[in-house]
Amino acid sequence: MSEDRQVRPLDERERRILDEIARVTRRDDPDLHRLMDGTEGIVHPPARCTGTRVPWRVVLAVMLLAVLYAAVLVLLPTNLAVAVVIGVQLVLVPIGCLLWGRRHGEL
């Protein structure tokens, strides 16, 4: 939110509406507050890594792999290169993402 914009307090009607939403949400999903609060020392799970810096070694490793991948594709015949791209994009990348997520506690 912009700093020059004034924030007005909620009026009584808006407060009642928010209280009703909170009441219905607590009734329909009693565990939601626990999931949103996270556990002590761990913020809300989807947001806990937001803004986390990626280590330089990871960046360099990914860049090196991308350059090697491109070099291999350039050296392959066209039909084989297409098959490799499809295999990598449909098999290796999803498996890599799942393994990375599992290793880092995201799954």
PDB file of N, CA and C in Angstrom:
ATOM      1  N   MET A   1       0.841  -1.173   0.000  1.00  0.00           N
ATOM      2  CA  MET A   1       0.000   0.000   0.000  1.00  0.00           C
ATOM      3  C   MET A   1       0.884   1.235   0.000  1.00  0.00           C
ATOM      4  N   SER A   2       0.486   2.222  -0.700  1.00  0.00           N
ATOM      5  CA  SER A   2       1.244   3.455  -0.792  1.00  0.00           C
ATOM      6  C   SER A   2       1.232   4.172   0.553  1.00  0.00           C
ATOM      7  N   GLU A   3       2.331   4.834   0.877  1.00  0.00           N
ATOM      8  CA  GLU A   3       2.432   5.509   2.168  1.00  0.00           C
ATOM      9  C   GLU A   3       1.623   6.790   2.211  1.00  0.00           C
ATOM     10  N   ASP A   4       1.336   7.400   1.073  1.00  0.00           N
ATOM     11  CA  ASP A   4       0.583   8.650   1.081  1.00  0.00           C
ATOM     12  C   ASP A   4      -0.927   8.415   1.142  1.00  0.00           C
ATOM     13  N   ARG A   5      -1.336   7.189   1.073  1.00  0.00           N
ATOM     14  CA  ARG A   5      -2.760   6.852   1.124  1.00  0.00           C
ATOM     15  C   ARG A   5      -3.181   6.639   2.573  1.00  0.00           C
ATOM     16  N   GLN A   6      -4.230   7.311   2.969  1.00  0.00           N
ATOM     17  CA  GLN A   6      -4.728   7.197   4.339  1.00  0.00           C
ATOM     18  C   GLN A   6      -5.570   5.930   4.489  1.00  0.00           C
ATOM     19  N   VAL A   7      -5.406   5.242   5.601  1.00  0.00           N
ATOM     20  CA  VAL A   7      -6.191   4.048   5.887  1.00  0.00           C
ATOM     21  C   VAL A   7      -7.270   4.442   6.873  1.00  0.00           C
ATOM     22  N   ARG A   8      -8.505   4.206   6.511  1.00  0.00           N
ATOM     23  CA  ARG A   8      -9.595   4.572   7.413  1.00  0.00           C
ATOM     24  C   ARG A   8      -9.980   3.359   8.246  1.00  0.00           C
ATOM     25  N   PRO A   9     -10.423   3.577   9.458  1.00  0.00           N
ATOM     26  CA  PRO A   9     -10.861   2.457  10.289  1.00  0.00           C
ATOM     27  C   PRO A   9     -12.167   1.870   9.749  1.00  0.00           C
ATOM     28  N   LEU A  10     -12.400   0.600  10.053  1.00  0.00           N
ATOM     29  CA  LEU A  10     -13.639  -0.045   9.619  1.00  0.00           C
ATOM     30  C   LEU A  10     -14.818   0.515  10.398  1.00  0.00           C
ATOM     31  N   ASP A  11     -15.947   0.674   9.698  1.00  0.00           N
ATOM     32  CA  ASP A  11     -17.147   1.091  10.428  1.00  0.00           C
ATOM     33  C   ASP A  11     -17.822  -0.145  11.030  1.00  0.00           C
ATOM     34  N   GLU A  12     -18.867   0.065  11.797  1.00  0.00           N
ATOM     35  CA  GLU A  12     -19.518  -1.035  12.517  1.00  0.00           C
ATOM     36  C   GLU A  12     -20.083  -2.088  11.566  1.00  0.00           C
ATOM     37  N   ARG A  13     -20.661  -1.689  10.455  1.00  0.00           N
ATOM     38  CA  ARG A  13     -21.228  -2.639   9.488  1.00  0.00           C
ATOM     39  C   ARG A  13     -20.129  -3.519   8.892  1.00  0.00           C
ATOM     40  N   GLU A  14     -19.006  -2.917   8.510  1.00  0.00           N
ATOM     41  CA  GLU A  14     -17.885  -3.680   7.950  1.00  0.00           C
ATOM     42  C   GLU A  14     -17.311  -4.651   8.984  1.00  0.00           C
ATOM     43  N   ARG A  15     -17.238  -4.180  10.225  1.00  0.00           N
ATOM     44  CA  ARG A  15     -16.742  -5.036  11.303  1.00  0.00           C
ATOM     45  C   ARG A  15     -17.654  -6.249  11.514  1.00  0.00           C
ATOM     46  N   ARG A  16     -18.980  -6.032  11.469  1.00  0.00           N
ATOM     47  CA  ARG A  16     -19.946  -7.137  11.622  1.00  0.00           C
ATOM     48  C   ARG A  16     -19.811  -8.139  10.475  1.00  0.00           C
ATOM     49  N   ILE A  17     -19.631  -7.621   9.269  1.00  0.00           N
ATOM     50  CA  ILE A  17     -19.477  -8.501   8.102  1.00  0.00           C
ATOM     51  C   ILE A  17     -18.219  -9.354   8.249  1.00  0.00           C
ATOM     52  N   LEU A  18     -17.104  -8.733   8.642  1.00  0.00           N
ATOM     53  CA  LEU A  18     -15.868  -9.499   8.831  1.00  0.00           C
ATOM     54  C   LEU A  18     -16.002 -10.522   9.956  1.00  0.00           C
ATOM     55  N   ASP A  19     -16.680 -10.154  11.030  1.00  0.00           N
ATOM     56  CA  ASP A  19     -16.910 -11.106  12.123  1.00  0.00           C
ATOM     57  C   ASP A  19     -17.746 -12.289  11.656  1.00  0.00           C
ATOM     58  N   GLU A  20     -18.745 -12.023  10.819  1.00  0.00           N
ATOM     59  CA  GLU A  20     -19.582 -13.108  10.294  1.00  0.00           C
ATOM     60  C   GLU A  20     -18.769 -14.028   9.382  1.00  0.00           C
ATOM     61  N   ILE A  21     -17.933 -13.446   8.541  1.00  0.00           N
ATOM     62  CA  ILE A  21     -17.066 -14.254   7.673  1.00  0.00           C
ATOM     63  C   ILE A  21     -16.148 -15.124   8.525  1.00  0.00           C
ATOM     64  N   ALA A  22     -15.559 -14.548   9.555  1.00  0.00           N
ATOM     65  CA  ALA A  22     -14.668 -15.307  10.439  1.00  0.00           C
ATOM     66  C   ALA A  22     -15.435 -16.432  11.139  1.00  0.00           C
ATOM     67  N   ARG A  23     -16.652 -16.147  11.603  1.00  0.00           N
ATOM     68  CA  ARG A  23     -17.450 -17.168  12.303  1.00  0.00           C
ATOM     69  C   ARG A  23     -17.780 -18.325  11.368  1.00  0.00           C
ATOM     70  N   VAL A  24     -18.217 -18.021  10.157  1.00  0.00           N
ATOM     71  CA  VAL A  24     -18.575 -19.063   9.190  1.00  0.00           C
ATOM     72  C   VAL A  24     -17.330 -19.871   8.803  1.00  0.00           C
ATOM     73  N   THR A  25     -16.215 -19.192   8.628  1.00  0.00           N
ATOM     74  CA  THR A  25     -14.970 -19.882   8.273  1.00  0.00           C
ATOM     75  C   THR A  25     -14.535 -20.814   9.389  1.00  0.00           C
ATOM     76  N   ARG A  26     -14.601 -20.349  10.642  1.00  0.00           N
ATOM     77  CA  ARG A  26     -14.235 -21.218  11.777  1.00  0.00           C
ATOM     78  C   ARG A  26     -15.162 -22.421  11.863  1.00  0.00           C
ATOM     79  N   ARG A  27     -16.451 -22.217  11.561  1.00  0.00           N
ATOM     80  CA  ARG A  27     -17.407 -23.317  11.599  1.00  0.00           C
ATOM     81  C   ARG A  27     -17.137 -24.322  10.480  1.00  0.00           C
ATOM     82  N   ASP A  28     -16.902 -23.829   9.277  1.00  0.00           N
ATOM     83  CA  ASP A  28     -16.733 -24.709   8.119  1.00  0.00           C
ATOM     84  C   ASP A  28     -15.360 -25.364   8.054  1.00  0.00           C
ATOM     85  N   ASP A  29     -14.346 -24.697   8.558  1.00  0.00           N
ATOM     86  CA  ASP A  29     -12.984 -25.240   8.494  1.00  0.00           C
ATOM     87  C   ASP A  29     -12.261 -24.938   9.803  1.00  0.00           C
ATOM     88  N   PRO A  30     -12.522 -25.759  10.835  1.00  0.00           N
ATOM     89  CA  PRO A  30     -11.957 -25.465  12.156  1.00  0.00           C
ATOM     90  C   PRO A  30     -10.430 -25.501  12.205  1.00  0.00           C
ATOM     91  N   ASP A  31      -9.776 -26.179  11.262  1.00  0.00           N
ATOM     92  CA  ASP A  31      -8.314 -26.266  11.283  1.00  0.00           C
ATOM     93  C   ASP A  31      -7.630 -25.154  10.489  1.00  0.00           C
ATOM     94  N   LEU A  32      -8.412 -24.303   9.834  1.00  0.00           N
ATOM     95  CA  LEU A  32      -7.816 -23.272   8.982  1.00  0.00           C
ATOM     96  C   LEU A  32      -6.886 -22.352   9.761  1.00  0.00           C
ATOM     97  N   HIS A  33      -7.289 -21.941  10.946  1.00  0.00           N
ATOM     98  CA  HIS A  33      -6.428 -21.019  11.697  1.00  0.00           C
ATOM     99  C   HIS A  33      -5.080 -21.660  12.018  1.00  0.00           C
ATOM    100  N   ARG A  34      -5.077 -22.967  12.296  1.00  0.00           N
ATOM    101  CA  ARG A  34      -3.822 -23.656  12.586  1.00  0.00           C
ATOM    102  C   ARG A  34      -2.944 -23.709  11.338  1.00  0.00           C
ATOM    103  N   LEU A  35      -3.557 -23.986  10.186  1.00  0.00           N
ATOM    104  CA  LEU A  35      -2.797 -24.042   8.939  1.00  0.00           C
ATOM    105  C   LEU A  35      -2.251 -22.675   8.550  1.00  0.00           C
ATOM    106  N   MET A  36      -3.023 -21.630   8.774  1.00  0.00           N
ATOM    107  CA  MET A  36      -2.590 -20.286   8.402  1.00  0.00           C
ATOM    108  C   MET A  36      -1.559 -19.726   9.372  1.00  0.00           C
ATOM    109  N   ASP A  37      -1.664 -20.114  10.632  1.00  0.00           N
ATOM    110  CA  ASP A  37      -0.717 -19.617  11.622  1.00  0.00           C
ATOM    111  C   ASP A  37       0.634 -20.301  11.503  1.00  0.00           C
ATOM    112  N   GLY A  38       0.665 -21.536  11.029  1.00  0.00           N
ATOM    113  CA  GLY A  38       1.894 -22.300  11.005  1.00  0.00           C
ATOM    114  C   GLY A  38       2.186 -22.791  12.416  1.00  0.00           C
ATOM    115  N   THR A  39       3.350 -23.295  12.620  1.00  0.00           N
ATOM    116  CA  THR A  39       3.743 -23.729  13.950  1.00  0.00           C
ATOM    117  C   THR A  39       4.798 -22.764  14.459  1.00  0.00           C
ATOM    118  N   GLU A  40       5.063 -22.825  15.722  1.00  0.00           N
ATOM    119  CA  GLU A  40       6.004 -21.877  16.304  1.00  0.00           C
ATOM    120  C   GLU A  40       7.358 -21.983  15.614  1.00  0.00           C
ATOM    121  N   GLY A  41       7.842 -20.859  15.161  1.00  0.00           N
ATOM    122  CA  GLY A  41       9.125 -20.821  14.483  1.00  0.00           C
ATOM    123  C   GLY A  41       9.039 -21.043  12.981  1.00  0.00           C
ATOM    124  N   ILE A  42       7.878 -21.477  12.487  1.00  0.00           N
ATOM    125  CA  ILE A  42       7.694 -21.689  11.047  1.00  0.00           C
ATOM    126  C   ILE A  42       6.474 -20.886  10.622  1.00  0.00           C
ATOM    127  N   VAL A  43       6.697 -19.982   9.690  1.00  0.00           N
ATOM    128  CA  VAL A  43       5.586 -19.169   9.207  1.00  0.00           C
ATOM    129  C   VAL A  43       4.690 -19.992   8.299  1.00  0.00           C
ATOM    130  N   HIS A  44       3.590 -19.418   7.889  1.00  0.00           N
ATOM    131  CA  HIS A  44       2.634 -20.079   7.008  1.00  0.00           C
ATOM    132  C   HIS A  44       3.384 -20.815   5.897  1.00  0.00           C
ATOM    133  N   PRO A  45       3.173 -22.129   5.760  1.00  0.00           N
ATOM    134  CA  PRO A  45       3.995 -22.948   4.850  1.00  0.00           C
ATOM    135  C   PRO A  45       4.172 -22.405   3.435  1.00  0.00           C
ATOM    136  N   PRO A  46       3.125 -21.984   2.703  1.00  0.00           N
ATOM    137  CA  PRO A  46       3.387 -21.508   1.345  1.00  0.00           C
ATOM    138  C   PRO A  46       4.214 -20.229   1.300  1.00  0.00           C
ATOM    139  N   ALA A  47       4.227 -19.471   2.374  1.00  0.00           N
ATOM    140  CA  ALA A  47       4.928 -18.195   2.352  1.00  0.00           C
ATOM    141  C   ALA A  47       6.291 -18.254   3.019  1.00  0.00           C
ATOM    142  N   ARG A  48       6.658 -19.394   3.586  1.00  0.00           N
ATOM    143  CA  ARG A  48       7.877 -19.413   4.389  1.00  0.00           C
ATOM    144  C   ARG A  48       9.150 -19.195   3.575  1.00  0.00           C
ATOM    145  N   CYS A  49       9.128 -19.494   2.280  1.00  0.00           N
ATOM    146  CA  CYS A  49      10.331 -19.305   1.474  1.00  0.00           C
ATOM    147  C   CYS A  49      10.242 -18.081   0.576  1.00  0.00           C
ATOM    148  N   THR A  50       9.190 -17.308   0.707  1.00  0.00           N
ATOM    149  CA  THR A  50       9.034 -16.137  -0.133  1.00  0.00           C
ATOM    150  C   THR A  50      10.150 -15.143   0.159  1.00  0.00           C
ATOM    151  N   GLY A  51      10.826 -14.741  -0.858  1.00  0.00           N
ATOM    152  CA  GLY A  51      11.898 -13.772  -0.686  1.00  0.00           C
ATOM    153  C   GLY A  51      13.218 -14.372  -0.249  1.00  0.00           C
ATOM    154  N   THR A  52      13.277 -15.695  -0.133  1.00  0.00           N
ATOM    155  CA  THR A  52      14.523 -16.334   0.277  1.00  0.00           C
ATOM    156  C   THR A  52      15.531 -16.246  -0.862  1.00  0.00           C
ATOM    157  N   ARG A  53      16.749 -15.864  -0.544  1.00  0.00           N
ATOM    158  CA  ARG A  53      17.785 -15.775  -1.571  1.00  0.00           C
ATOM    159  C   ARG A  53      18.237 -17.169  -1.985  1.00  0.00           C
ATOM    160  N   VAL A  54      18.447 -17.336  -3.270  1.00  0.00           N
ATOM    161  CA  VAL A  54      18.943 -18.602  -3.796  1.00  0.00           C
ATOM    162  C   VAL A  54      20.465 -18.571  -3.692  1.00  0.00           C
ATOM    163  N   PRO A  55      21.072 -19.632  -3.134  1.00  0.00           N
ATOM    164  CA  PRO A  55      22.538 -19.652  -3.018  1.00  0.00           C
ATOM    165  C   PRO A  55      23.208 -19.581  -4.394  1.00  0.00           C
ATOM    166  N   TRP A  56      24.351 -18.914  -4.452  1.00  0.00           N
ATOM    167  CA  TRP A  56      25.065 -18.750  -5.714  1.00  0.00           C
ATOM    168  C   TRP A  56      25.440 -20.079  -6.342  1.00  0.00           C
ATOM    169  N   ARG A  57      25.778 -21.071  -5.528  1.00  0.00           N
ATOM    170  CA  ARG A  57      26.163 -22.366  -6.092  1.00  0.00           C
ATOM    171  C   ARG A  57      24.997 -23.009  -6.829  1.00  0.00           C
ATOM    172  N   VAL A  58      23.775 -22.785  -6.331  1.00  0.00           N
ATOM    173  CA  VAL A  58      22.584 -23.316  -7.016  1.00  0.00           C
ATOM    174  C   VAL A  58      22.371 -22.583  -8.336  1.00  0.00           C
ATOM    175  N   VAL A  59      22.512 -21.268  -8.317  1.00  0.00           N
ATOM    176  CA  VAL A  59      22.352 -20.478  -9.545  1.00  0.00           C
ATOM    177  C   VAL A  59      23.378 -20.910 -10.585  1.00  0.00           C
ATOM    178  N   LEU A  60      24.624 -21.039 -10.168  1.00  0.00           N
ATOM    179  CA  LEU A  60      25.676 -21.443 -11.105  1.00  0.00           C
ATOM    180  C   LEU A  60      25.453 -22.854 -11.633  1.00  0.00           C
ATOM    181  N   ALA A  61      25.017 -23.760 -10.778  1.00  0.00           N
ATOM    182  CA  ALA A  61      24.754 -25.131 -11.220  1.00  0.00           C
ATOM    183  C   ALA A  61      23.626 -25.168 -12.249  1.00  0.00           C
ATOM    184  N   VAL A  62      22.569 -24.413 -12.009  1.00  0.00           N
ATOM    185  CA  VAL A  62      21.445 -24.381 -12.957  1.00  0.00           C
ATOM    186  C   VAL A  62      21.879 -23.763 -14.279  1.00  0.00           C
ATOM    187  N   MET A  63      22.645 -22.695 -14.224  1.00  0.00           N
ATOM    188  CA  MET A  63      23.125 -22.066 -15.458  1.00  0.00           C
ATOM    189  C   MET A  63      24.045 -23.008 -16.237  1.00  0.00           C
ATOM    190  N   LEU A  64      24.915 -23.702 -15.539  1.00  0.00           N
ATOM    191  CA  LEU A  64      25.812 -24.652 -16.192  1.00  0.00           C
ATOM    192  C   LEU A  64      25.024 -25.773 -16.861  1.00  0.00           C
ATOM    193  N   LEU A  65      24.027 -26.300 -16.156  1.00  0.00           N
ATOM    194  CA  LEU A  65      23.189 -27.344 -16.747  1.00  0.00           C
ATOM    195  C   LEU A  65      22.437 -26.839 -17.976  1.00  0.00           C
ATOM    196  N   ALA A  66      21.951 -25.609 -17.930  1.00  0.00           N
ATOM    197  CA  ALA A  66      21.235 -25.043 -19.075  1.00  0.00           C
ATOM    198  C   ALA A  66      22.159 -24.902 -20.286  1.00  0.00           C
ATOM    199  N   VAL A  67      23.392 -24.460 -20.062  1.00  0.00           N
ATOM    200  CA  VAL A  67      24.349 -24.312 -21.161  1.00  0.00           C
ATOM    201  C   VAL A  67      24.709 -25.681 -21.740  1.00  0.00           C
ATOM    202  N   LEU A  68      24.950 -26.656 -20.872  1.00  0.00           N
ATOM    203  CA  LEU A  68      25.262 -28.011 -21.346  1.00  0.00           C
ATOM    204  C   LEU A  68      24.087 -28.614 -22.125  1.00  0.00           C
ATOM    205  N   TYR A  69      22.882 -28.403 -21.620  1.00  0.00           N
ATOM    206  CA  TYR A  69      21.672 -28.899 -22.289  1.00  0.00           C
ATOM    207  C   TYR A  69      21.556 -28.283 -23.686  1.00  0.00           C
ATOM    208  N   ALA A  70      21.763 -26.976 -23.790  1.00  0.00           N
ATOM    209  CA  ALA A  70      21.693 -26.309 -25.095  1.00  0.00           C
ATOM    210  C   ALA A  70      22.782 -26.830 -26.029  1.00  0.00           C
ATOM    211  N   ALA A  71      23.977 -27.045 -25.504  1.00  0.00           N
ATOM    212  CA  ALA A  71      25.075 -27.540 -26.340  1.00  0.00           C
ATOM    213  C   ALA A  71      24.772 -28.933 -26.869  1.00  0.00           C
ATOM    214  N   VAL A  72      24.217 -29.784 -26.028  1.00  0.00           N
ATOM    215  CA  VAL A  72      23.858 -31.140 -26.465  1.00  0.00           C
ATOM    216  C   VAL A  72      22.771 -31.074 -27.535  1.00  0.00           C
ATOM    217  N   LEU A  73      21.775 -30.205 -27.339  1.00  0.00           N
ATOM    218  CA  LEU A  73      20.701 -30.090 -28.328  1.00  0.00           C
ATOM    219  C   LEU A  73      21.224 -29.610 -29.677  1.00  0.00           C
ATOM    220  N   VAL A  74      22.165 -28.705 -29.675  1.00  0.00           N
ATOM    221  CA  VAL A  74      22.726 -28.193 -30.932  1.00  0.00           C
ATOM    222  C   VAL A  74      23.480 -29.291 -31.678  1.00  0.00           C
ATOM    223  N   LEU A  75      24.134 -30.173 -30.935  1.00  0.00           N
ATOM    224  CA  LEU A  75      24.928 -31.227 -31.561  1.00  0.00           C
ATOM    225  C   LEU A  75      24.093 -32.402 -32.071  1.00  0.00           C
ATOM    226  N   LEU A  76      22.871 -32.557 -31.560  1.00  0.00           N
ATOM    227  CA  LEU A  76      22.020 -33.687 -31.960  1.00  0.00           C
ATOM    228  C   LEU A  76      21.319 -33.418 -33.282  1.00  0.00           C
ATOM    229  N   PRO A  77      21.006 -34.500 -34.020  1.00  0.00           N
ATOM    230  CA  PRO A  77      20.157 -34.337 -35.210  1.00  0.00           C
ATOM    231  C   PRO A  77      18.782 -33.809 -34.795  1.00  0.00           C
ATOM    232  N   THR A  78      18.112 -33.119 -35.690  1.00  0.00           N
ATOM    233  CA  THR A  78      16.852 -32.442 -35.366  1.00  0.00           C
ATOM    234  C   THR A  78      15.816 -33.372 -34.755  1.00  0.00           C
ATOM    235  N   ASN A  79      15.573 -34.531 -35.361  1.00  0.00           N
ATOM    236  CA  ASN A  79      14.548 -35.447 -34.841  1.00  0.00           C
ATOM    237  C   ASN A  79      14.888 -35.929 -33.435  1.00  0.00           C
ATOM    238  N   LEU A  80      16.128 -36.233 -33.204  1.00  0.00           N
ATOM    239  CA  LEU A  80      16.547 -36.690 -31.878  1.00  0.00           C
ATOM    240  C   LEU A  80      16.481 -35.535 -30.871  1.00  0.00           C
ATOM    241  N   ALA A  81      16.825 -34.329 -31.306  1.00  0.00           N
ATOM    242  CA  ALA A  81      16.762 -33.162 -30.421  1.00  0.00           C
ATOM    243  C   ALA A  81      15.333 -32.916 -29.955  1.00  0.00           C
ATOM    244  N   VAL A  82      14.378 -33.057 -30.872  1.00  0.00           N
ATOM    245  CA  VAL A  82      12.962 -32.880 -30.503  1.00  0.00           C
ATOM    246  C   VAL A  82      12.556 -33.932 -29.477  1.00  0.00           C
ATOM    247  N   ALA A  83      12.947 -35.162 -29.687  1.00  0.00           N
ATOM    248  CA  ALA A  83      12.617 -36.235 -28.741  1.00  0.00           C
ATOM    249  C   ALA A  83      13.246 -35.975 -27.373  1.00  0.00           C
ATOM    250  N   VAL A  84      14.475 -35.488 -27.368  1.00  0.00           N
ATOM    251  CA  VAL A  84      15.158 -35.186 -26.098  1.00  0.00           C
ATOM    252  C   VAL A  84      14.439 -34.053 -25.371  1.00  0.00           C
ATOM    253  N   VAL A  85      14.077 -32.999 -26.086  1.00  0.00           N
ATOM    254  CA  VAL A  85      13.368 -31.871 -25.459  1.00  0.00           C
ATOM    255  C   VAL A  85      12.045 -32.341 -24.860  1.00  0.00           C
ATOM    256  N   ILE A  86      11.292 -33.124 -25.612  1.00  0.00           N
ATOM    257  CA  ILE A  86      10.010 -33.618 -25.096  1.00  0.00           C
ATOM    258  C   ILE A  86      10.237 -34.501 -23.873  1.00  0.00           C
ATOM    259  N   GLY A  87      11.217 -35.385 -23.936  1.00  0.00           N
ATOM    260  CA  GLY A  87      11.500 -36.246 -22.786  1.00  0.00           C
ATOM    261  C   GLY A  87      11.925 -35.465 -21.556  1.00  0.00           C
ATOM    262  N   VAL A  88      12.763 -34.493 -21.760  1.00  0.00           N
ATOM    263  CA  VAL A  88      13.238 -33.683 -20.625  1.00  0.00           C
ATOM    264  C   VAL A  88      12.085 -32.879 -20.031  1.00  0.00           C
ATOM    265  N   GLN A  89      11.298 -32.230 -20.879  1.00  0.00           N
ATOM    266  CA  GLN A  89      10.222 -31.368 -20.385  1.00  0.00           C
ATOM    267  C   GLN A  89       9.070 -32.147 -19.760  1.00  0.00           C
ATOM    268  N   LEU A  90       8.777 -33.323 -20.283  1.00  0.00           N
ATOM    269  CA  LEU A  90       7.635 -34.091 -19.769  1.00  0.00           C
ATOM    270  C   LEU A  90       7.996 -35.110 -18.696  1.00  0.00           C
ATOM    271  N   VAL A  91       9.276 -35.456 -18.590  1.00  0.00           N
ATOM    272  CA  VAL A  91       9.667 -36.480 -17.618  1.00  0.00           C
ATOM    273  C   VAL A  91      10.674 -35.945 -16.602  1.00  0.00           C
ATOM    274  N   LEU A  92      11.828 -35.512 -17.072  1.00  0.00           N
ATOM    275  CA  LEU A  92      12.897 -35.133 -16.151  1.00  0.00           C
ATOM    276  C   LEU A  92      12.588 -33.884 -15.315  1.00  0.00           C
ATOM    277  N   VAL A  93      12.044 -32.850 -15.942  1.00  0.00           N
ATOM    278  CA  VAL A  93      11.745 -31.620 -15.188  1.00  0.00           C
ATOM    279  C   VAL A  93      10.702 -31.872 -14.102  1.00  0.00           C
ATOM    280  N   PRO A  94       9.552 -32.520 -14.409  1.00  0.00           N
ATOM    281  CA  PRO A  94       8.592 -32.778 -13.329  1.00  0.00           C
ATOM    282  C   PRO A  94       9.154 -33.666 -12.215  1.00  0.00           C
ATOM    283  N   ILE A  95       9.918 -34.684 -12.582  1.00  0.00           N
ATOM    284  CA  ILE A  95      10.521 -35.552 -11.556  1.00  0.00           C
ATOM    285  C   ILE A  95      11.507 -34.747 -10.706  1.00  0.00           C
ATOM    286  N   GLY A  96      12.307 -33.917 -11.342  1.00  0.00           N
ATOM    287  CA  GLY A  96      13.240 -33.067 -10.604  1.00  0.00           C
ATOM    288  C   GLY A  96      12.531 -32.118  -9.650  1.00  0.00           C
ATOM    289  N   CYS A  97      11.425 -31.532 -10.103  1.00  0.00           N
ATOM    290  CA  CYS A  97      10.656 -30.623  -9.236  1.00  0.00           C
ATOM    291  C   CYS A  97      10.073 -31.368  -8.049  1.00  0.00           C
ATOM    292  N   LEU A  98       9.538 -32.558  -8.289  1.00  0.00           N
ATOM    293  CA  LEU A  98       8.979 -33.354  -7.194  1.00  0.00           C
ATOM    294  C   LEU A  98      10.050 -33.762  -6.192  1.00  0.00           C
ATOM    295  N   LEU A  99      11.203 -34.190  -6.696  1.00  0.00           N
ATOM    296  CA  LEU A  99      12.292 -34.568  -5.787  1.00  0.00           C
ATOM    297  C   LEU A  99      12.800 -33.364  -4.991  1.00  0.00           C
ATOM    298  N   TRP A 100      12.926 -32.207  -5.656  1.00  0.00           N
ATOM    299  CA  TRP A 100      13.379 -31.002  -4.965  1.00  0.00           C
ATOM    300  C   TRP A 100      12.384 -30.603  -3.872  1.00  0.00           C
ATOM    301  N   GLY A 101      11.097 -30.609  -4.238  1.00  0.00           N
ATOM    302  CA  GLY A 101      10.064 -30.266  -3.252  1.00  0.00           C
ATOM    303  C   GLY A 101      10.043 -31.216  -2.085  1.00  0.00           C
ATOM    304  N   ARG A 102      10.188 -32.491  -2.351  1.00  0.00           N
ATOM    305  CA  ARG A 102      10.203 -33.500  -1.291  1.00  0.00           C
ATOM    306  C   ARG A 102      11.415 -33.305  -0.375  1.00  0.00           C
ATOM    307  N   ARG A 103      12.551 -33.047  -0.981  1.00  0.00           N
ATOM    308  CA  ARG A 103      13.788 -32.872  -0.215  1.00  0.00           C
ATOM    309  C   ARG A 103      13.724 -31.640   0.685  1.00  0.00           C
ATOM    310  N   HIS A 104      13.034 -30.605   0.235  1.00  0.00           N
ATOM    311  CA  HIS A 104      12.955 -29.352   0.991  1.00  0.00           C
ATOM    312  C   HIS A 104      11.671 -29.237   1.801  1.00  0.00           C
ATOM    313  N   GLY A 105      10.936 -30.342   1.959  1.00  0.00           N
ATOM    314  CA  GLY A 105       9.773 -30.356   2.828  1.00  0.00           C
ATOM    315  C   GLY A 105       8.561 -29.630   2.297  1.00  0.00           C
ATOM    316  N   GLU A 106       8.486 -29.416   0.990  1.00  0.00           N
ATOM    317  CA  GLU A 106       7.341 -28.738   0.401  1.00  0.00           C
ATOM    318  C   GLU A 106       6.234 -29.709   0.008  1.00  0.00           C
ATOM    319  N   LEU A 107       6.530 -31.018  -0.014  1.00  0.00           N
ATOM    320  CA  LEU A 107       5.520 -32.015  -0.376  1.00  0.00           C
ATOM    321  C   LEU A 107       5.259 -32.928   0.798  1.00  0.00           C
TER     322      LEU A 107
END
